[in-house]
Protein backbone atom coordinates (compact mmCIF):
# COMPACT_ATOMS: atom_id res chain seq x y z
CA UNK A 1 -33.08 -11.61 86.73
CA UNK A 2 -32.72 -10.60 83.10
CA UNK A 3 -31.14 -13.22 80.82
CA UNK A 4 -27.65 -13.01 79.39
CA UNK A 5 -29.17 -13.14 75.91
CA UNK A 6 -30.76 -9.74 76.51
CA UNK A 7 -27.44 -8.24 77.59
CA UNK A 8 -25.74 -9.70 74.52
CA UNK A 9 -28.32 -8.23 72.13
CA UNK A 10 -28.00 -4.81 73.73
CA UNK A 11 -24.21 -5.03 73.51
CA UNK A 12 -24.40 -5.77 69.78
CA UNK A 13 -26.94 -2.99 69.16
CA UNK A 14 -24.55 -0.48 70.69
CA UNK A 15 -21.46 -1.87 68.93
CA UNK A 16 -22.80 -3.36 65.67
CA UNK A 17 -19.40 -3.49 63.98
CA UNK A 18 -17.97 -5.58 66.75
CA UNK A 19 -20.04 -8.56 65.61
CA UNK A 20 -19.00 -8.21 61.97
CA UNK A 21 -15.38 -9.24 62.43
CA UNK A 22 -16.24 -12.94 62.74
CA UNK A 23 -19.01 -12.79 60.13
CA UNK A 24 -16.70 -11.20 57.58
CA UNK A 25 -14.51 -14.30 57.63
CA UNK A 26 -17.50 -16.41 56.53
CA UNK A 27 -19.55 -14.17 54.23
CA UNK A 28 -19.31 -11.05 52.14
CA UNK A 29 -21.18 -8.17 53.77
CA UNK A 30 -23.65 -6.07 51.81
CA UNK A 31 -24.75 -2.81 53.40
CA UNK A 32 -28.16 -1.31 52.68
CA UNK A 33 -29.99 1.85 53.68
CA UNK A 34 -33.55 2.62 54.73
CA UNK A 35 -36.08 1.79 53.48
CA UNK A 36 -37.48 -1.45 52.18
CA UNK A 37 -34.52 -3.15 50.51
CA UNK A 38 -35.53 -6.86 50.46
CA UNK A 39 -32.67 -8.20 52.55
CA UNK A 40 -34.03 -11.75 52.18
CA UNK A 41 -32.69 -11.67 48.61
CA UNK A 42 -29.23 -10.75 49.87
CA UNK A 43 -29.37 -13.50 52.48
CA UNK A 44 -30.53 -16.13 49.96
CA UNK A 45 -27.54 -15.21 47.78
CA UNK A 46 -25.22 -16.41 50.56
CA UNK A 47 -24.29 -12.84 51.56
CA UNK A 48 -24.78 -11.06 54.87
CA UNK A 49 -27.18 -8.08 54.77
CA UNK A 50 -26.38 -5.18 57.09
CA UNK A 51 -28.65 -2.18 57.57
CA UNK A 52 -26.60 1.02 57.75
CA UNK A 53 -28.10 3.39 60.31
CA UNK A 54 -25.57 6.20 60.42
CA UNK A 55 -23.10 7.36 63.01
CA UNK A 56 -23.23 9.75 65.95
CA UNK A 57 -19.55 10.58 65.40
CA UNK A 58 -18.58 14.02 64.02
CA UNK A 59 -18.96 14.68 60.28
CA UNK A 60 -15.55 15.09 58.66
CA UNK A 61 -16.05 13.87 55.09
CA UNK A 62 -19.71 13.91 54.04
CA UNK A 63 -20.10 17.68 54.47
CA UNK A 64 -17.94 18.14 51.38
CA UNK A 65 -20.26 15.88 49.37
CA UNK A 66 -23.75 16.73 50.64
CA UNK A 67 -25.03 20.20 51.61
CA UNK A 68 -25.50 21.06 55.27
CA UNK A 69 -29.27 21.16 54.79
CA UNK A 70 -29.36 17.55 53.57
CA UNK A 71 -31.04 14.97 55.76
CA UNK A 72 -29.04 14.08 58.86
CA UNK A 73 -29.59 10.36 58.24
CA UNK A 74 -28.20 10.56 54.69
CA UNK A 75 -25.16 12.61 55.73
CA UNK A 76 -24.33 10.36 58.67
CA UNK A 77 -24.74 7.18 56.57
CA UNK A 78 -22.24 8.50 54.05
CA UNK A 79 -19.92 9.67 56.83
CA UNK A 80 -19.99 6.30 58.55
CA UNK A 81 -18.87 4.40 55.48
CA UNK A 82 -16.31 6.92 54.20
CA UNK A 83 -14.76 7.86 57.50
CA UNK A 84 -15.19 4.91 59.78
CA UNK A 85 -16.35 1.55 58.45
CA UNK A 86 -15.76 1.21 54.69
CA UNK A 87 -13.46 -1.76 55.25
CA UNK A 88 -16.32 -3.85 56.62
CA UNK A 89 -18.40 -3.79 53.44
CA UNK A 90 -18.03 -5.66 50.18
CA UNK A 91 -20.95 -3.96 48.49
CA UNK A 92 -24.02 -1.81 48.90
CA UNK A 93 -27.68 -1.76 47.92
CA UNK A 94 -29.17 1.71 48.36
CA UNK A 95 -32.87 2.52 48.23
CA UNK A 96 -34.01 5.69 46.50
CA UNK A 97 -37.00 7.10 48.38
CA UNK A 98 -36.48 10.88 48.10
CA UNK A 99 -34.38 13.50 46.28
CA UNK A 100 -31.61 13.31 48.89
CA UNK A 101 -31.26 9.54 48.64
CA UNK A 102 -31.22 9.80 44.85
CA UNK A 103 -28.23 12.15 45.04
CA UNK A 104 -26.70 9.97 47.75
CA UNK A 105 -26.81 6.94 45.44
CA UNK A 106 -24.93 8.84 42.73
CA UNK A 107 -22.27 10.02 45.20
CA UNK A 108 -21.96 6.58 46.77
CA UNK A 109 -21.45 4.84 43.45
CA UNK A 110 -18.67 7.23 42.44
CA UNK A 111 -17.02 7.13 45.86
CA UNK A 112 -16.79 3.33 46.02
CA UNK A 113 -16.11 2.16 42.44
CA UNK A 114 -14.38 -0.99 43.68
CA UNK A 115 -17.46 -2.22 45.61
CA UNK A 116 -20.53 -4.02 44.35
CA UNK A 117 -23.31 -1.44 44.05
CA UNK A 118 -27.01 -1.57 43.26
CA UNK A 119 -29.83 0.99 43.36
CA UNK A 120 -33.18 -0.29 44.56
CA UNK A 121 -36.14 1.70 43.24
CA UNK A 122 -39.22 1.00 45.32
CA UNK A 123 -42.49 2.61 44.12
CA UNK A 124 -43.44 5.69 46.14
CA UNK A 125 -47.12 5.80 45.25
CA UNK A 126 -48.20 2.38 46.45
CA UNK A 127 -51.90 2.90 45.65
CA UNK A 128 -51.23 2.66 41.94
CA UNK A 129 -52.17 -0.60 40.24
CA UNK A 130 -48.64 -0.85 38.88
CA UNK A 131 -46.95 -0.61 42.30
CA UNK A 132 -46.99 -4.33 43.07
CA UNK A 133 -45.71 -5.28 39.62
CA UNK A 134 -43.02 -2.58 39.84
CA UNK A 135 -41.70 -3.81 43.19
CA UNK A 136 -41.77 -7.45 42.05
CA UNK A 137 -39.81 -6.56 38.92
CA UNK A 138 -37.25 -4.67 40.98
CA UNK A 139 -36.83 -7.80 43.12
CA UNK A 140 -36.28 -9.93 40.02
CA UNK A 141 -33.74 -7.42 38.68
CA UNK A 142 -31.91 -7.39 42.02
CA UNK A 143 -31.96 -11.19 42.15
CA UNK A 144 -30.27 -11.35 38.74
CA UNK A 145 -27.72 -8.71 39.75
CA UNK A 146 -26.82 -10.63 42.91
CA UNK A 147 -26.46 -13.84 40.88
CA UNK A 148 -24.00 -12.09 38.57
CA UNK A 149 -22.07 -10.74 41.55
CA UNK A 150 -21.79 -14.06 43.37
CA UNK A 151 -21.56 -16.24 40.28
CA UNK A 152 -24.19 -18.55 41.76
CA UNK A 153 -27.86 -19.17 41.07
CA UNK A 154 -30.32 -18.04 43.76
CA UNK A 155 -32.82 -20.88 43.86
CA UNK A 156 -36.45 -20.59 44.88
CA UNK A 157 -35.71 -23.06 47.69
CA UNK A 158 -32.99 -20.76 49.05
CA UNK A 159 -35.42 -17.85 48.95
CA UNK A 160 -38.15 -19.77 50.77
CA UNK A 161 -35.65 -20.77 53.44
CA UNK A 162 -34.65 -17.14 53.91
CA UNK A 163 -38.32 -16.12 54.02
CA UNK A 164 -38.99 -18.66 56.78
CA UNK A 165 -35.98 -17.47 58.78
CA UNK A 166 -37.00 -13.81 58.53
CA UNK A 167 -40.65 -14.61 59.29
CA UNK A 168 -39.53 -16.38 62.45
CA UNK A 169 -37.46 -13.35 63.43
CA UNK A 170 -40.37 -10.97 62.92
CA UNK A 171 -42.73 -13.24 64.87
CA UNK A 172 -40.37 -13.34 67.87
CA UNK A 173 -40.01 -9.55 67.86
CA UNK A 174 -43.78 -9.09 67.60
CA UNK A 175 -44.30 -11.43 70.55
CA UNK A 176 -41.73 -9.55 72.60
CA UNK A 177 -43.34 -6.22 71.68
CA UNK A 178 -46.74 -7.49 72.83
CA UNK A 179 -45.29 -8.59 76.18
CA UNK A 180 -43.53 -5.25 76.64
CA UNK A 181 -46.77 -3.41 75.98
CA UNK A 182 -48.57 -5.43 78.65
CA UNK A 183 -45.75 -5.45 81.23
CA UNK A 184 -43.83 -2.14 80.97
CA UNK A 185 -41.75 -2.84 84.07
CA UNK A 186 -40.29 -6.00 82.55
CA UNK A 187 -37.98 -4.22 80.11
CA UNK A 188 -37.32 -0.62 79.18
CA UNK A 189 -38.15 0.98 75.84
CA UNK A 190 -34.43 1.26 75.17
CA UNK A 191 -33.89 -2.45 75.80
CA UNK A 192 -36.66 -3.52 73.46
CA UNK A 193 -35.71 -1.22 70.59
CA UNK A 194 -32.04 -2.15 71.04
CA UNK A 195 -33.03 -5.79 70.53
CA UNK A 196 -34.76 -4.82 67.29
CA UNK A 197 -31.71 -2.78 66.25
CA UNK A 198 -29.43 -5.78 66.83
CA UNK A 199 -31.24 -7.76 64.14
CA UNK A 200 -30.13 -5.25 61.48
CA UNK A 201 -26.53 -6.36 61.75
CA UNK A 202 -26.52 -9.89 63.23
CA UNK A 203 -26.72 -13.30 61.65
CA UNK A 204 -30.48 -13.94 61.62
CA UNK A 205 -30.29 -17.49 62.97
CA UNK A 206 -28.17 -16.31 65.92
CA UNK A 207 -30.50 -13.39 66.53
CA UNK A 208 -33.46 -15.78 66.57
CA UNK A 209 -31.70 -18.05 69.06
CA UNK A 210 -30.99 -15.18 71.46
CA UNK A 211 -34.47 -13.71 70.97
CA UNK A 212 -36.08 -17.02 71.82
CA UNK A 213 -34.25 -17.04 75.16
CA UNK A 214 -35.49 -13.51 75.88
CA UNK A 215 -39.06 -14.38 74.87
CA UNK A 216 -39.04 -17.48 77.10
CA UNK A 217 -37.85 -15.35 80.05
CA UNK A 218 -40.41 -12.63 79.31
CA UNK A 219 -43.25 -15.16 79.12
CA UNK A 220 -42.27 -16.58 82.51
CA UNK A 221 -41.90 -13.23 84.29
CA UNK A 222 -44.47 -10.96 82.62
CA UNK A 223 -47.17 -11.51 85.25
CA UNK A 224 -44.96 -9.96 87.94
CA UNK A 225 -44.65 -6.74 85.92
CA UNK A 226 -48.21 -6.34 84.63
CA UNK A 227 -48.95 -3.40 86.93
CA UNK A 228 -49.06 -0.27 84.77
CA UNK A 229 -49.43 2.12 87.72
CA UNK A 230 -47.48 5.32 87.03
CA UNK A 231 -46.92 4.58 83.32
CA UNK A 232 -48.61 6.34 80.44
CA UNK A 233 -49.04 4.91 76.95
CA UNK A 234 -47.07 6.49 74.14
CA UNK A 235 -46.99 6.26 70.34
CA UNK A 236 -43.51 6.78 68.83
CA UNK A 237 -43.83 8.25 65.32
CA UNK A 238 -41.22 9.06 62.69
CA UNK A 239 -38.60 7.23 60.64
CA UNK A 240 -35.84 6.40 63.11
CA UNK A 241 -35.03 7.47 66.69
CA UNK A 242 -31.53 8.92 66.93
CA UNK A 243 -29.69 9.41 69.16
CA UNK A 244 -31.11 6.41 71.06
CA UNK A 245 -30.80 8.25 74.37
CA UNK A 246 -34.25 9.60 73.48
CA UNK A 247 -35.60 6.20 74.53
CA UNK A 248 -33.84 6.66 77.88
CA UNK A 249 -35.58 10.01 78.31
CA UNK A 250 -38.97 8.40 77.74
CA UNK A 251 -38.07 5.59 80.14
CA UNK A 252 -37.19 8.13 82.82
CA UNK A 253 -40.66 9.70 82.66
CA UNK A 254 -42.27 6.21 82.62
CA UNK A 255 -43.67 6.48 79.13
CA UNK A 256 -44.53 3.02 77.78
CA UNK A 257 -44.17 2.88 73.99
CA UNK A 258 -47.04 0.62 72.93
CA UNK A 259 -47.00 1.28 69.18
CA UNK A 260 -44.94 3.12 66.57
CA UNK A 261 -44.57 4.03 62.90
CA UNK A 262 -40.77 3.66 62.79
CA UNK A 263 -38.90 2.05 59.90
CA UNK A 264 -36.65 0.51 62.52
CA UNK A 265 -39.54 -1.09 64.41
CA UNK A 266 -43.14 -1.71 63.30
CA UNK A 267 -42.51 -1.16 59.60
CA UNK A 268 -39.82 -3.83 59.86
CA UNK A 269 -41.41 -6.43 62.14
CA UNK A 270 -45.07 -6.46 61.11
CA UNK A 271 -46.42 -8.53 58.21
CA UNK A 272 -44.73 -11.74 57.12
CA UNK A 273 -43.99 -13.06 53.66
CA UNK A 274 -46.57 -15.54 52.40
CA UNK A 275 -44.89 -18.77 51.38
CA UNK A 276 -45.69 -20.78 48.30
CA UNK A 277 -46.18 -18.21 45.54
CA UNK A 278 -43.74 -16.48 43.20
CA UNK A 279 -40.93 -15.14 45.48
CA UNK A 280 -40.82 -11.69 43.89
CA UNK A 281 -44.58 -11.30 44.12
CA UNK A 282 -44.52 -12.49 47.75
CA UNK A 283 -41.97 -9.78 48.57
CA UNK A 284 -44.09 -7.20 46.75
CA UNK A 285 -47.24 -8.22 48.62
CA UNK A 286 -45.48 -7.77 51.96
CA UNK A 287 -44.13 -4.39 50.90
CA UNK A 288 -47.61 -3.10 50.12
CA UNK A 289 -48.94 -4.30 53.50
CA UNK A 290 -46.40 -2.35 55.55
CA UNK A 291 -47.40 0.62 57.72
CA UNK A 292 -47.11 4.09 56.27
CA UNK A 293 -43.65 5.54 55.61
CA UNK A 294 -43.37 9.27 55.00
CA UNK A 295 -41.95 9.27 51.41
CA UNK A 296 -43.98 6.19 50.39
CA UNK A 297 -47.75 6.45 50.64
CA UNK A 298 -51.09 5.68 49.05
CA UNK A 299 -52.79 8.94 50.00
CA UNK A 300 -51.17 12.13 51.44
CA UNK A 301 -53.90 12.36 54.10
CA UNK A 302 -52.88 8.97 55.50
CA UNK A 303 -49.80 10.56 57.04
CA UNK A 304 -52.05 11.83 59.81
CA UNK A 305 -55.18 9.67 59.47
CA UNK A 306 -53.18 6.46 60.01
CA UNK A 307 -51.44 8.01 63.01
CA UNK A 308 -54.80 9.02 64.48
CA UNK A 309 -56.17 5.51 63.90
CA UNK A 310 -53.12 3.93 65.54
CA UNK A 311 -53.43 6.28 68.51
CA UNK A 312 -57.06 5.34 69.06
CA UNK A 313 -56.72 1.61 68.42
CA UNK A 314 -53.77 1.35 70.83
CA UNK A 315 -55.50 3.37 73.54
CA UNK A 316 -52.51 5.71 73.71
CA UNK A 317 -52.32 8.91 75.73
CA UNK A 318 -49.64 10.84 73.84
CA UNK A 319 -47.61 10.91 70.63
CA UNK A 320 -43.89 11.59 70.41
CA UNK A 321 -42.78 12.51 66.89
CA UNK A 322 -39.05 12.12 66.16
CA UNK A 323 -38.22 14.58 63.37
CA UNK A 324 -34.89 14.14 61.61
CA UNK A 325 -33.65 17.64 60.87
CA UNK A 326 -33.83 18.59 57.17
CA UNK A 327 -35.74 15.44 56.20
CA UNK A 328 -37.78 16.76 53.25
CA UNK A 329 -40.62 14.29 53.61
CA UNK A 330 -41.09 14.96 57.31
CA UNK A 331 -40.83 18.71 56.72
CA UNK A 332 -43.77 18.48 54.32
CA UNK A 333 -45.79 16.24 56.64
CA UNK A 334 -45.37 17.99 59.98
CA UNK A 335 -47.61 21.06 59.50
CA UNK A 336 -50.59 18.83 58.63
CA UNK A 337 -49.82 16.39 61.46
CA UNK A 338 -49.52 19.18 64.02
CA UNK A 339 -52.75 20.81 62.87
CA UNK A 340 -54.73 17.57 62.95
CA UNK A 341 -53.45 16.54 66.39
CA UNK A 342 -54.28 20.01 67.72
CA UNK A 343 -57.80 19.74 66.29
CA UNK A 344 -58.27 16.36 67.98
CA UNK A 345 -56.82 17.55 71.31
CA UNK A 346 -54.13 14.87 71.28
CA UNK A 347 -50.97 15.51 73.36
CA UNK A 348 -48.22 15.73 70.76
CA UNK A 349 -44.51 16.44 71.25
CA UNK A 350 -42.14 16.94 68.33
CA UNK A 351 -38.48 16.07 68.97
CA UNK A 352 -36.21 17.49 66.28
CA UNK A 353 -32.92 15.64 66.20
CA UNK A 354 -29.74 15.18 64.24
CA UNK A 355 -27.41 12.20 64.35
CA UNK A 356 -24.69 14.48 65.64
CA UNK A 357 -26.88 15.97 68.39
CA UNK A 358 -24.74 16.32 71.51
CA UNK A 359 -26.62 18.91 73.58
CA UNK A 360 -29.64 17.05 74.85
CA UNK A 361 -30.39 18.97 78.04
CA UNK A 362 -32.99 21.17 76.33
CA UNK A 363 -34.72 18.15 74.83
CA UNK A 364 -34.68 16.39 78.20
CA UNK A 365 -36.32 19.45 79.80
CA UNK A 366 -39.03 19.50 77.12
CA UNK A 367 -39.73 15.78 77.60
CA UNK A 368 -39.96 16.20 81.38
CA UNK A 369 -42.24 19.24 81.04
CA UNK A 370 -44.45 17.30 78.64
CA UNK A 371 -44.62 14.49 81.18
CA UNK A 372 -45.71 16.93 83.90
CA UNK A 373 -48.48 18.22 81.64
CA UNK A 374 -49.58 14.63 81.07
CA UNK A 375 -49.76 14.02 84.81
CA UNK A 376 -52.03 17.02 85.27
CA UNK A 377 -54.10 16.25 82.17
CA UNK A 378 -54.71 12.57 82.84
CA UNK A 379 -54.47 12.54 86.63
CA UNK A 380 -51.78 9.87 86.51
CA UNK A 381 -50.44 8.87 89.90
CA UNK A 382 -46.65 8.84 90.02
């Protein structure tokens, strides 16, 4: 029987603003956007970091501020705050990682003049010698800005405590991911990635407590679900998977996601912060160790070479690529990725989505047809 902690995490993932009502009475809430805002700094300042991941509700406000061919994630993030949840936030830290997010920051700052606001400028070309120093300096600048906002000093001890808390959270998620990979019948893809999603809005200590209960259950029961008969191993590539019903589609065809390149999964949970050095430099070192992210890279060829390496190292049988419509970075990357996967004979399915996607029957048919081709190709017994 699955633990109540699992049900609670899934509930929060699907209603993230429901858990903020109690938190808002204790702490000011600072929203941030993908990718790579160092939320440990926000936590150490005594604030509550919240990762804004858009809305699937209709767009009523953001279309007047961003063009229709702007990234679906950017438009839905703006829509969520303007039209639905502005009252929950006391401030925002927005990362600039592409042209659209640069414009979004300008719009956001003008639209919410009464809120705390900070741009976070992470280096995009991480192979440069200056990248580590740049990121560390941005962290120091943000630390000073948060101190001015709160009127309190952020001590090194507070930062180390936050680092330890977040390292523990990442370790628990990594352990759960490893168990899921080995025992696909234990939990669905949707359940696992919902548990990751819950950590973007919850109090980290509470998330750790619930995760520990789930990990303890999974450790006890994993042997009973180790049979992988009928499953095939999948890599999930992209930035974010929206709408999350895509995970349900993959579950229905018994695809077991064993690795990914998502900002809302592996890029978030892998690599801890080394304790004991300068806090800003420790944050910078972790940033440079993260898996590839489309707008941030060391070498343009790594967009497909890293994906190929991950596919081979994981022993995967197919790649699903979740393409956010009108995402400039992904639009540039996809032709090269498609060509390279075709050259290597790797089964590859692109799923183009928008946050406001409502007609999913065609996508479901494509996923099912892809599954049938996998059965014939690999001789998988269903």
